[in-house]
Amino acid sequence: MSKRKKALFQLIVLSIIIGLISWHTVYWHISNMHTTIFEYIEAGKGYLTVLYYIGLIIVTGILLGILMGKILEVLGYQEKKAGNTAGGEK
């Protein structure tokens, strides 16, 4: 399997995972589960609310970063290596 095909497959899988996370967030909003989780703060379980939202933010951010890298791979972007910029050797 070529490098670009592998990156395309990973891109599709990452897109599906991010779509599922988005669906989960919208579903919780529609079903008013987000109000239930905020009631945990009053019940002394505020750490659960904080852990959930921080975890959601971290996972989504990491997945979006990887997704952007895979998009660049599929498009064929290649990083150009800089030469010796120290100026010591010529």
Protein backbone atom coordinates (compact mmCIF):
# COMPACT_ATOMS: atom_id res chain seq x y z
CA MET A 1 0.00 0.00 0.00
CA SER A 2 1.47 3.35 -0.99
CA LYS A 3 2.08 6.10 1.52
CA ARG A 4 -0.69 8.30 0.13
CA LYS A 5 -3.29 5.49 0.13
CA LYS A 6 -2.43 4.67 3.72
CA ALA A 7 -2.75 8.35 4.65
CA LEU A 8 -6.11 8.51 2.83
CA PHE A 9 -7.41 5.51 4.77
CA GLN A 10 -6.25 7.09 8.05
CA LEU A 11 -7.86 10.37 6.98
CA ILE A 12 -11.20 8.64 6.46
CA VAL A 13 -11.00 6.86 9.82
CA LEU A 14 -10.08 10.10 11.64
CA SER A 15 -12.95 11.92 9.92
CA ILE A 16 -15.39 9.25 11.10
CA ILE A 17 -14.07 9.43 14.67
CA ILE A 18 -14.31 13.23 14.74
CA GLY A 19 -17.82 12.98 13.26
CA LEU A 20 -18.83 10.58 16.05
CA ILE A 21 -17.43 12.94 18.69
CA SER A 22 -19.38 15.81 17.13
CA TRP A 23 -22.55 13.70 17.01
CA HIS A 24 -22.04 12.75 20.67
CA THR A 25 -21.74 16.40 21.67
CA VAL A 26 -24.85 17.44 19.70
CA TYR A 27 -26.82 14.47 21.03
CA TRP A 28 -25.94 15.40 24.62
CA HIS A 29 -27.10 18.94 23.95
CA ILE A 30 -30.40 17.79 22.41
CA SER A 31 -31.11 15.29 25.20
CA ASN A 32 -30.23 17.86 27.92
CA MET A 33 -27.49 15.64 29.31
CA HIS A 34 -25.23 18.68 29.52
CA THR A 35 -27.57 20.17 32.16
CA THR A 36 -27.39 16.92 34.11
CA ILE A 37 -23.60 16.95 34.11
CA PHE A 38 -23.61 20.56 35.34
CA GLU A 39 -25.80 19.47 38.27
CA TYR A 40 -22.83 17.37 39.39
CA ILE A 41 -21.13 20.61 40.41
CA GLU A 42 -23.81 21.30 43.02
CA ALA A 43 -23.70 17.69 44.18
CA GLY A 44 -19.99 17.90 44.97
CA LYS A 45 -18.92 15.92 41.90
CA GLY A 46 -17.65 18.89 39.94
CA TYR A 47 -14.43 17.08 39.13
CA LEU A 48 -16.39 14.73 36.85
CA THR A 49 -17.70 17.67 34.84
CA VAL A 50 -14.24 19.18 34.54
CA LEU A 51 -12.62 15.86 33.59
CA TYR A 52 -15.25 15.19 30.95
CA TYR A 53 -14.94 18.55 29.25
CA ILE A 54 -11.15 18.74 29.47
CA GLY A 55 -10.90 15.20 28.11
CA LEU A 56 -13.26 16.07 25.28
CA ILE A 57 -11.22 19.16 24.39
CA ILE A 58 -7.87 17.33 24.55
CA VAL A 59 -9.00 14.34 22.49
CA THR A 60 -10.68 16.53 19.87
CA GLY A 61 -7.65 18.81 19.62
CA ILE A 62 -5.23 15.93 19.18
CA LEU A 63 -7.43 14.26 16.58
CA LEU A 64 -7.84 17.50 14.64
CA GLY A 65 -4.06 18.02 14.65
CA ILE A 66 -3.46 14.51 13.32
CA LEU A 67 -6.25 15.02 10.77
CA MET A 68 -4.57 18.16 9.43
CA GLY A 69 -1.28 16.26 9.07
CA LYS A 70 -3.00 13.46 7.15
CA ILE A 71 -4.71 15.98 4.85
CA LEU A 72 -1.29 17.42 4.02
CA GLU A 73 0.08 13.92 3.37
CA VAL A 74 -2.78 13.08 1.01
CA LEU A 75 -2.28 16.35 -0.86
CA GLY A 76 1.41 15.49 -1.29
CA TYR A 77 2.96 18.24 0.82
CA GLN A 78 6.63 17.61 1.49
CA GLU A 79 8.61 19.53 4.03
CA LYS A 80 11.74 21.13 2.65
CA LYS A 81 14.81 20.57 4.78
CA ALA A 82 16.84 23.67 5.57
CA GLY A 83 20.56 23.51 5.03
CA ASN A 84 23.20 24.35 7.61
CA THR A 85 22.07 27.70 8.97
CA ALA A 86 24.73 27.96 11.69
CA GLY A 87 27.13 29.62 9.28
CA GLY A 88 30.13 27.75 10.69
CA GLU A 89 30.89 25.55 7.69
CA LYS A 90 30.85 26.60 4.05
